[in-house]
Protein backbone atom coordinates (compact mmCIF):
# COMPACT_ATOMS: atom_id res chain seq x y z
CA UNK A 1 55.97 -51.37 -59.33
CA UNK A 2 56.28 -48.30 -60.90
CA UNK A 3 52.29 -47.69 -60.81
CA UNK A 4 52.46 -48.19 -57.01
CA UNK A 5 55.06 -45.43 -56.58
CA UNK A 6 53.37 -43.03 -58.72
CA UNK A 7 50.13 -43.44 -56.21
CA UNK A 8 52.14 -43.43 -52.85
CA UNK A 9 54.24 -40.48 -53.41
CA UNK A 10 51.22 -37.89 -53.83
CA UNK A 11 49.46 -39.68 -50.71
CA UNK A 12 52.51 -38.99 -48.47
CA UNK A 13 52.75 -35.47 -49.64
CA UNK A 14 49.35 -34.77 -48.70
CA UNK A 15 49.66 -36.41 -45.38
CA UNK A 16 52.70 -34.36 -44.38
CA UNK A 17 50.99 -31.31 -45.87
CA UNK A 18 47.71 -32.08 -43.25
CA UNK A 19 50.07 -32.82 -40.33
CA UNK A 20 51.82 -29.31 -40.79
CA UNK A 21 48.87 -27.50 -40.99
CA UNK A 22 47.41 -29.27 -37.76
CA UNK A 23 50.49 -28.18 -35.86
CA UNK A 24 50.66 -24.64 -36.68
CA UNK A 25 46.70 -24.02 -35.89
CA UNK A 26 47.37 -26.01 -32.40
CA UNK A 27 50.50 -23.31 -31.96
CA UNK A 28 48.37 -20.29 -32.89
CA UNK A 29 45.37 -21.44 -30.60
CA UNK A 30 47.95 -22.33 -27.71
CA UNK A 31 48.52 -18.64 -25.98
CA UNK A 32 44.77 -18.07 -25.78
CA UNK A 33 44.70 -21.15 -22.94
CA UNK A 34 43.13 -19.71 -19.77
CA UNK A 35 42.86 -16.16 -21.23
CA UNK A 36 45.63 -14.97 -18.71
CA UNK A 37 49.07 -13.36 -19.82
CA UNK A 38 51.16 -15.03 -17.29
CA UNK A 39 54.49 -12.80 -18.44
CA UNK A 40 52.42 -9.53 -17.80
CA UNK A 41 51.00 -11.35 -14.74
CA UNK A 42 54.57 -11.96 -13.23
CA UNK A 43 55.71 -8.50 -14.06
CA UNK A 44 57.03 -6.33 -11.04
CA UNK A 45 57.73 -2.76 -11.28
CA UNK A 46 59.02 -0.33 -8.77
CA UNK A 47 58.16 3.02 -7.87
CA UNK A 48 58.84 6.26 -5.65
CA UNK A 49 55.90 7.11 -3.15
CA UNK A 50 56.69 10.93 -3.48
CA UNK A 51 57.24 10.77 -7.13
CA UNK A 52 54.96 7.85 -8.75
CA UNK A 53 55.92 8.58 -12.17
CA UNK A 54 59.28 7.30 -11.72
CA UNK A 55 58.83 3.81 -12.62
CA UNK A 56 61.85 0.98 -12.77
CA UNK A 57 61.90 -2.76 -13.34
CA UNK A 58 64.37 -3.19 -10.42
CA UNK A 59 64.99 -2.21 -6.82
CA UNK A 60 67.03 0.89 -6.35
CA UNK A 61 66.24 4.75 -5.09
CA UNK A 62 64.54 7.42 -6.65
CA UNK A 63 66.59 9.89 -8.66
CA UNK A 64 64.82 12.75 -7.31
CA UNK A 65 64.50 12.41 -3.82
CA UNK A 66 66.55 9.38 -2.94
CA UNK A 67 63.67 7.52 -1.22
CA UNK A 68 63.85 3.85 -1.77
CA UNK A 69 61.90 2.63 -4.67
CA UNK A 70 58.62 0.30 -3.47
CA UNK A 71 57.26 -2.64 -5.30
CA UNK A 72 54.43 -2.24 -7.18
CA UNK A 73 52.55 -5.05 -8.82
CA UNK A 74 50.24 -4.39 -11.30
CA UNK A 75 46.44 -4.86 -10.11
CA UNK A 76 47.45 -5.05 -6.54
CA UNK A 77 45.55 -8.35 -6.01
CA UNK A 78 42.11 -6.81 -6.75
CA UNK A 79 39.23 -7.35 -9.55
CA UNK A 80 40.65 -4.89 -12.26
CA UNK A 81 37.32 -4.70 -13.84
CA UNK A 82 35.31 -3.68 -10.93
CA UNK A 83 37.96 -0.92 -9.75
CA UNK A 84 38.14 0.58 -13.44
CA UNK A 85 34.11 0.88 -13.20
CA UNK A 86 33.98 2.34 -9.70
CA UNK A 87 37.08 4.65 -9.89
CA UNK A 88 38.53 2.50 -7.08
CA UNK A 89 42.31 2.06 -5.96
CA UNK A 90 43.66 -0.87 -4.25
CA UNK A 91 46.87 -0.38 -2.03
CA UNK A 92 49.02 -3.29 -0.85
CA UNK A 93 49.22 -3.69 2.86
CA UNK A 94 52.79 -3.12 2.67
CA UNK A 95 52.56 0.16 1.04
CA UNK A 96 49.78 1.36 3.49
CA UNK A 97 52.37 0.69 6.11
CA UNK A 98 55.42 2.51 4.66
CA UNK A 99 53.37 5.51 4.02
CA UNK A 100 51.44 5.43 7.10
CA UNK A 101 48.18 5.40 5.71
CA UNK A 102 45.45 5.22 8.41
CA UNK A 103 41.56 5.03 8.30
CA UNK A 104 39.14 6.11 10.66
CA UNK A 105 35.19 6.27 10.73
CA UNK A 106 33.69 9.66 10.17
CA UNK A 107 31.84 10.94 13.05
CA UNK A 108 29.03 13.58 14.10
CA UNK A 109 29.90 15.81 17.00
CA UNK A 110 29.25 19.53 18.38
CA UNK A 111 31.62 21.58 16.73
CA UNK A 112 33.01 25.30 18.47
CA UNK A 113 35.08 27.38 16.36
CA UNK A 114 37.52 29.83 18.42
CA UNK A 115 38.52 33.07 16.73
CA UNK A 116 41.70 34.69 17.84
CA UNK A 117 42.68 38.28 17.27
CA UNK A 118 45.04 40.77 18.45
CA UNK A 119 43.69 44.23 19.59
CA UNK A 120 44.38 47.56 21.05
CA UNK A 121 42.94 49.33 24.09
CA UNK A 122 41.47 52.52 23.12
CA UNK A 123 39.21 55.25 24.98
CA UNK A 124 35.52 55.18 24.93
CA UNK A 125 34.92 57.97 22.49
CA UNK A 126 31.26 58.36 24.01
CA UNK A 127 32.89 59.01 27.43
CA UNK A 128 35.27 61.73 26.34
CA UNK A 129 34.93 65.59 26.81
CA UNK A 130 36.48 68.83 26.64
CA UNK A 131 36.52 71.46 29.23
CA UNK A 132 36.26 75.17 27.40
CA UNK A 133 36.03 78.68 28.41
CA UNK A 134 32.54 79.77 28.20
CA UNK A 135 33.38 83.36 28.51
CA UNK A 136 36.68 85.68 27.61
CA UNK A 137 38.69 86.06 30.62
CA UNK A 138 41.73 85.24 32.63
CA UNK A 139 42.34 81.94 34.31
CA UNK A 140 42.88 82.97 38.13
CA UNK A 141 43.19 79.54 39.62
CA UNK A 142 43.49 76.07 38.36
CA UNK A 143 42.57 73.25 40.81
CA UNK A 144 43.81 70.61 38.07
CA UNK A 145 47.62 70.85 37.54
CA UNK A 146 48.83 67.80 35.81
CA UNK A 147 47.70 64.88 33.37
CA UNK A 148 46.60 61.75 35.14
CA UNK A 149 44.48 63.68 37.70
CA UNK A 150 41.34 62.54 38.68
CA UNK A 151 38.36 65.21 38.52
CA UNK A 152 34.91 65.15 39.78
CA UNK A 153 31.99 66.70 37.84
CA UNK A 154 30.59 68.31 40.68
CA UNK A 155 33.88 70.04 41.75
CA UNK A 156 35.44 73.18 39.85
CA UNK A 157 38.50 72.28 37.78
CA UNK A 158 39.10 76.19 37.57
CA UNK A 159 38.29 79.73 38.42
CA UNK A 160 37.86 82.48 35.52
CA UNK A 161 37.65 86.08 35.96
CA UNK A 162 35.88 87.71 33.07
CA UNK A 163 34.51 91.53 32.97
CA UNK A 164 32.05 90.56 30.66
CA UNK A 165 30.42 88.13 33.27
CA UNK A 166 30.68 90.61 36.17
CA UNK A 167 28.85 93.13 33.77
CA UNK A 168 26.18 90.42 32.86
CA UNK A 169 25.57 89.86 36.65
CA UNK A 170 25.14 93.35 37.55
CA UNK A 171 22.53 93.57 34.63
CA UNK A 172 20.63 90.57 36.58
CA UNK A 173 20.65 92.48 39.75
CA UNK A 174 19.41 95.78 38.04
CA UNK A 175 16.84 93.60 36.27
CA UNK A 176 15.54 91.97 39.63
CA UNK A 177 15.28 95.58 41.30
CA UNK A 178 13.41 96.97 38.28
CA UNK A 179 11.06 94.18 38.44
CA UNK A 180 10.28 94.55 42.19
CA UNK A 181 9.73 98.47 41.50
CA UNK A 182 7.45 97.99 38.53
CA UNK A 183 5.47 94.78 39.73
CA UNK A 184 3.08 96.99 41.64
CA UNK A 185 2.20 99.22 38.62
CA UNK A 186 -1.68 99.50 37.49
CA UNK A 187 -0.26 99.17 33.85
CA UNK A 188 0.18 95.59 32.65
CA UNK A 189 2.61 96.27 29.71
CA UNK A 190 5.13 98.14 32.64
CA UNK A 191 4.70 95.20 35.20
CA UNK A 192 4.90 92.45 32.51
CA UNK A 193 8.41 94.50 31.28
CA UNK A 194 10.24 94.06 34.39
CA UNK A 195 9.52 90.33 34.56
CA UNK A 196 10.76 90.00 30.80
CA UNK A 197 14.13 91.84 31.64
CA UNK A 198 14.77 89.48 34.53
CA UNK A 199 14.08 86.55 32.16
CA UNK A 200 16.54 88.02 29.46
CA UNK A 201 19.22 88.82 31.95
CA UNK A 202 18.90 85.16 33.48
CA UNK A 203 19.26 83.85 29.82
CA UNK A 204 22.25 85.30 29.22
CA UNK A 205 24.01 84.23 32.39
CA UNK A 206 23.14 80.68 31.62
CA UNK A 207 24.79 80.89 28.40
CA UNK A 208 28.22 82.22 30.07
CA UNK A 209 28.21 78.81 31.87
CA UNK A 210 26.65 80.05 35.18
CA UNK A 211 24.65 77.31 36.50
CA UNK A 212 21.27 77.67 38.47
CA UNK A 213 22.56 77.39 41.87
CA UNK A 214 25.22 80.05 41.10
CA UNK A 215 22.21 82.36 39.88
CA UNK A 216 20.31 81.55 43.05
CA UNK A 217 23.37 82.37 45.08
CA UNK A 218 23.77 85.51 43.08
CA UNK A 219 20.25 86.48 43.99
CA UNK A 220 20.57 86.07 47.51
CA UNK A 221 23.91 87.75 47.84
CA UNK A 222 22.93 90.70 46.04
CA UNK A 223 26.58 91.24 44.64
CA UNK A 224 28.37 89.78 41.50
CA UNK A 225 30.81 86.85 41.84
CA UNK A 226 34.47 88.17 40.62
CA UNK A 227 35.45 84.66 39.68
CA UNK A 228 33.37 82.13 37.69
CA UNK A 229 33.85 78.50 38.70
CA UNK A 230 34.79 76.41 35.58
CA UNK A 231 32.97 72.59 35.99
CA UNK A 232 33.68 69.68 33.81
CA UNK A 233 30.88 67.64 32.04
CA UNK A 234 32.02 64.28 33.41
CA UNK A 235 33.96 62.48 35.99
CA UNK A 236 37.13 61.09 34.97
CA UNK A 237 40.94 61.37 34.38
CA UNK A 238 42.83 64.22 32.64
CA UNK A 239 44.52 63.01 29.73
CA UNK A 240 45.38 66.52 28.26
CA UNK A 241 46.01 70.21 30.08
CA UNK A 242 46.26 72.92 28.10
CA UNK A 243 45.43 75.69 30.53
CA UNK A 244 47.99 77.45 32.57
CA UNK A 245 47.39 79.67 35.60
CA UNK A 246 47.21 83.34 34.91
CA UNK A 247 46.54 82.66 31.32
CA UNK A 248 43.97 84.74 29.16
CA UNK A 249 41.55 82.80 27.03
CA UNK A 250 38.82 83.66 24.55
CA UNK A 251 35.42 82.16 24.48
CA UNK A 252 35.43 78.41 23.36
CA UNK A 253 39.40 77.78 24.17
CA UNK A 254 40.04 74.50 25.37
CA UNK A 255 41.36 74.01 28.86
CA UNK A 256 41.35 70.25 29.66
CA UNK A 257 40.58 66.91 27.97
CA UNK A 258 38.77 64.36 30.39
CA UNK A 259 38.30 60.81 29.62
CA UNK A 260 36.14 58.38 31.72
CA UNK A 261 38.07 54.80 31.82
CA UNK A 262 35.33 52.90 33.78
CA UNK A 263 34.41 51.53 30.43
CA UNK A 264 37.20 51.03 27.28
CA UNK A 265 37.26 49.96 23.85
CA UNK A 266 39.19 47.05 22.28
CA UNK A 267 39.62 47.30 18.42
CA UNK A 268 40.50 43.53 17.50
CA UNK A 269 41.54 42.94 14.07
CA UNK A 270 39.79 40.14 12.27
CA UNK A 271 41.11 38.21 9.26
CA UNK A 272 38.74 37.95 6.31
CA UNK A 273 38.52 34.36 6.59
CA UNK A 274 36.86 34.73 9.93
CA UNK A 275 34.54 37.95 9.35
CA UNK A 276 31.63 35.77 8.54
CA UNK A 277 31.59 34.46 11.92
CA UNK A 278 31.80 37.60 13.84
CA UNK A 279 28.43 39.13 14.93
CA UNK A 280 27.33 42.03 16.82
CA UNK A 281 26.50 41.02 20.40
CA UNK A 282 28.65 38.22 20.68
CA UNK A 283 30.89 37.43 23.80
CA UNK A 284 34.43 38.03 23.46
CA UNK A 285 37.21 36.98 26.58
CA UNK A 286 40.11 39.62 26.63
CA UNK A 287 43.79 38.72 28.02
CA UNK A 288 46.84 40.83 28.21
CA UNK A 289 50.33 40.11 29.35
CA UNK A 290 50.21 42.79 31.90
CA UNK A 291 47.80 40.99 33.98
CA UNK A 292 48.39 37.04 33.53
CA UNK A 293 45.93 34.85 34.51
CA UNK A 294 43.03 37.50 34.42
CA UNK A 295 40.38 37.66 31.89
CA UNK A 296 38.17 40.42 30.96
CA UNK A 297 34.68 39.87 29.41
CA UNK A 298 33.09 42.37 26.85
CA UNK A 299 30.77 42.04 23.63
CA UNK A 300 31.08 43.15 20.19
CA UNK A 301 29.29 46.40 19.80
CA UNK A 302 30.10 47.19 16.06
CA UNK A 303 31.76 45.19 13.10
CA UNK A 304 33.46 48.37 10.98
CA UNK A 305 32.21 48.40 7.53
CA UNK A 306 35.40 48.76 5.77
CA UNK A 307 38.50 46.86 5.59
CA UNK A 308 42.18 47.94 6.15
CA UNK A 309 44.18 47.73 2.91
CA UNK A 310 47.45 47.39 4.64
CA UNK A 311 46.87 44.45 7.08
CA UNK A 312 43.83 43.11 5.26
CA UNK A 313 42.09 42.96 8.53
CA UNK A 314 38.52 44.12 9.60
CA UNK A 315 38.30 45.66 12.93
CA UNK A 316 35.92 44.56 15.48
CA UNK A 317 34.85 47.01 18.62
CA UNK A 318 34.78 45.23 21.56
CA UNK A 319 32.95 47.15 24.51
CA UNK A 320 33.89 45.95 28.04
CA UNK A 321 33.90 47.19 31.66
CA UNK A 322 37.41 48.35 33.30
CA UNK A 323 37.26 47.85 37.17
CA UNK A 324 40.22 49.31 38.84
CA UNK A 325 41.36 50.87 35.56
CA UNK A 326 43.62 47.98 35.00
CA UNK A 327 43.28 48.33 31.05
CA UNK A 328 45.33 51.29 29.89
CA UNK A 329 44.61 52.84 26.51
CA UNK A 330 47.17 51.49 23.76
CA UNK A 331 48.00 48.28 25.70
CA UNK A 332 48.02 45.33 23.56
CA UNK A 333 45.58 42.39 24.11
CA UNK A 334 44.46 39.08 23.01
CA UNK A 335 40.87 38.37 22.16
CA UNK A 336 39.13 35.19 21.88
CA UNK A 337 35.68 34.78 20.09
CA UNK A 338 33.88 31.28 20.54
CA UNK A 339 31.35 30.59 17.82
CA UNK A 340 29.33 27.28 18.04
CA UNK A 341 28.69 25.52 14.83
CA UNK A 342 26.37 22.85 16.11
CA UNK A 343 26.55 19.44 15.40
CA UNK A 344 28.13 18.48 11.81
CA UNK A 345 30.20 15.76 10.33
CA UNK A 346 33.59 15.89 11.20
CA UNK A 347 37.03 14.55 9.81
CA UNK A 348 40.52 15.21 10.29
CA UNK A 349 42.02 18.21 8.19
CA UNK A 350 44.54 15.87 6.60
CA UNK A 351 41.86 13.70 5.36
CA UNK A 352 40.94 16.23 2.77
CA UNK A 353 43.00 16.84 -0.58
CA UNK A 354 42.09 20.20 -1.86
CA UNK A 355 43.18 20.70 -5.72
CA UNK A 356 42.28 24.16 -5.90
CA UNK A 357 38.86 23.73 -7.59
CA UNK A 358 37.34 20.76 -5.20
CA UNK A 359 38.18 18.94 -2.19
CA UNK A 360 38.76 15.06 -1.99
CA UNK A 361 38.65 12.39 0.22
CA UNK A 362 39.47 8.90 -0.14
CA UNK A 363 36.53 6.68 1.46
CA UNK A 364 37.45 2.89 2.08
CA UNK A 365 34.70 0.56 0.21
CA UNK A 366 36.49 -2.65 1.41
CA UNK A 367 39.78 -3.80 3.25
CA UNK A 368 42.70 -2.19 1.22
CA UNK A 369 40.25 -0.46 -1.58
CA UNK A 370 39.43 3.10 -1.75
CA UNK A 371 37.20 5.46 -4.16
CA UNK A 372 37.35 9.24 -4.19
CA UNK A 373 34.70 11.40 -2.86
CA UNK A 374 34.08 15.05 -3.58
CA UNK A 375 32.95 16.82 -0.51
CA UNK A 376 32.09 20.39 0.65
CA UNK A 377 34.10 21.69 3.62
CA UNK A 378 33.22 24.14 6.13
CA UNK A 379 35.03 25.52 9.05
CA UNK A 380 38.47 24.00 10.29
CA UNK A 381 38.46 23.78 14.10
CA UNK A 382 42.04 22.83 15.26
CA UNK A 383 42.91 19.74 13.34
CA UNK A 384 39.46 18.84 12.32
CA UNK A 385 37.13 20.14 9.35
CA UNK A 386 33.49 20.54 9.24
CA UNK A 387 31.80 18.54 6.20
CA UNK A 388 29.12 20.09 4.87
CA UNK A 389 28.10 17.33 2.19
CA UNK A 390 29.57 14.22 0.74
CA UNK A 391 29.83 12.08 3.53
CA UNK A 392 27.85 10.22 5.97
CA UNK A 393 28.52 9.20 9.50
CA UNK A 394 30.31 5.75 10.11
CA UNK A 395 31.72 5.97 6.56
CA UNK A 396 35.57 4.66 6.83
CA UNK A 397 37.84 7.23 5.19
CA UNK A 398 41.74 7.67 4.84
CA UNK A 399 42.61 10.17 7.81
CA UNK A 400 46.40 9.97 6.60
CA UNK A 401 48.65 9.13 3.69
CA UNK A 402 45.80 9.90 1.22
CA UNK A 403 48.64 11.15 -1.02
CA UNK A 404 49.77 7.65 -1.59
CA UNK A 405 46.38 6.58 -2.87
CA UNK A 406 46.28 9.54 -4.97
CA UNK A 407 49.50 8.55 -6.66
CA UNK A 408 48.31 4.88 -6.81
CA UNK A 409 45.23 6.19 -8.69
CA UNK A 410 47.03 8.25 -11.31
CA UNK A 411 49.64 5.92 -11.95
CA UNK A 412 46.50 3.35 -12.80
CA UNK A 413 44.97 6.15 -14.88
CA UNK A 414 42.27 6.30 -12.49
CA UNK A 415 40.42 9.64 -11.13
CA UNK A 416 42.22 10.82 -8.11
CA UNK A 417 42.39 14.06 -6.79
CA UNK A 418 44.80 15.08 -9.21
CA UNK A 419 47.33 17.05 -6.87
CA UNK A 420 50.85 17.18 -7.19
CA UNK A 421 51.57 16.02 -10.67
CA UNK A 422 49.61 18.08 -13.11
CA UNK A 423 51.55 21.01 -12.94
CA UNK A 424 55.05 19.20 -13.24
CA UNK A 425 57.19 20.20 -15.68
CA UNK A 426 57.63 17.68 -18.57
CA UNK A 427 53.98 16.01 -17.60
CA UNK A 428 51.85 15.76 -20.50
CA UNK A 429 47.83 15.31 -20.31
CA UNK A 430 46.41 12.50 -22.47
CA UNK A 431 45.71 13.97 -25.94
CA UNK A 432 48.46 16.58 -25.95
CA UNK A 433 50.95 16.71 -28.91
CA UNK A 434 54.30 15.28 -27.93
CA UNK A 435 57.13 17.66 -27.52
CA UNK A 436 59.99 17.88 -30.00
CA UNK A 437 62.61 15.33 -29.45
CA UNK A 438 65.39 16.90 -27.00
CA UNK A 439 69.23 16.37 -27.86
CA UNK A 440 71.09 13.61 -26.26
CA UNK A 441 71.99 14.52 -22.53
CA UNK A 442 74.84 13.55 -20.72
CA UNK A 443 74.51 10.37 -18.72
CA UNK A 444 73.77 11.18 -14.95
CA UNK A 445 71.38 9.68 -12.19
CA UNK A 446 68.49 11.82 -13.56
CA UNK A 447 67.63 9.94 -16.46
CA UNK A 448 64.30 10.67 -18.03
CA UNK A 449 64.12 6.88 -19.14
CA UNK A 450 62.74 6.18 -15.78
CA UNK A 451 59.71 8.16 -15.63
CA UNK A 452 56.47 7.39 -17.34
CA UNK A 453 55.08 10.40 -18.87
């Protein structure tokens, strides 16, 4: 009996040890089961659409903007490995509806950019002239008495008495008589000398402003003209009157300033961003509040080679006809320049997220799943923008609400556009040294415990 007890006790102890070891091994292998963490799978978090770094484990409002927190389920029902590999983001339908995320296909269409600019009507500097005194003398008569009077090129604007002019006319008449007396001389030098005196006296009269027809009249009358008619070099409007009747003037003194307003200039101010689209010869439509409903057509004759440092604009000279003299100098006008850009890929402007270093568009790869795409954009026309590269016609993009997709990407640690959060105070990039611990703050709604840095 004693021998049997000595044998059984070690056997029972060994059996208990084996059973205990087996239970412990099963307990250690049990969590591996089907490879899923059911606790983590059921975890629900709430975040702010405008401040995605605010994350709570229960519903509530954002401590920064007060918006209602929305539910964020980890993974959003998509394949996590595939999303990580392709840098894609899955957005639940409820979040897309709340954030007004809309999609539309990329289209190809003809674009025409319209550049608008303000301008001022100016004189055509090639159609301005000054009427000056050709000789010294006294103004005996003015045919133009006020600024704004119309003058004609063939009609005199004033009459000038000049003793020098009278003497020059008398010398010419004497030269004519001498030529007539000496032309029959048998000596060639004497006969030719008379003709030389006439040519010299005639040239002097022309330099004094006497016209050919006036010289012809002088030869016919045989008497000098006491008064010299003064003519304007072009027809137009008197914009400055200097002379006064009875005034004594010297040679070269200005009497009037004349401007031909049948053609005027418009100097339009073009912004720096639009200068590359403005070329000489482009057609321009000009409108003004003084003539509502009326459009004046002209063309760009010059783009000034310098910039105004005060307004940061470059002037473009527009030359246009002015029928009826409706456009007055110094009048404010609006200019519209239409520039055809040809056929191009076009997307809505809100679809582009500009980080400052690159432009990103979120492309839908399947329902509710998006991936970022770098694009090069060109000109903006209204609410649309030209895409130079990065997209093809037919691809579906997020036309609005791209900020939500980008926020979702940053929360997941993906490669989003990176806008909106990188420069916020307190946000640390991965790998940066942790900031020193701050002293405990008073309890309030702005609890930093809700933020995941």
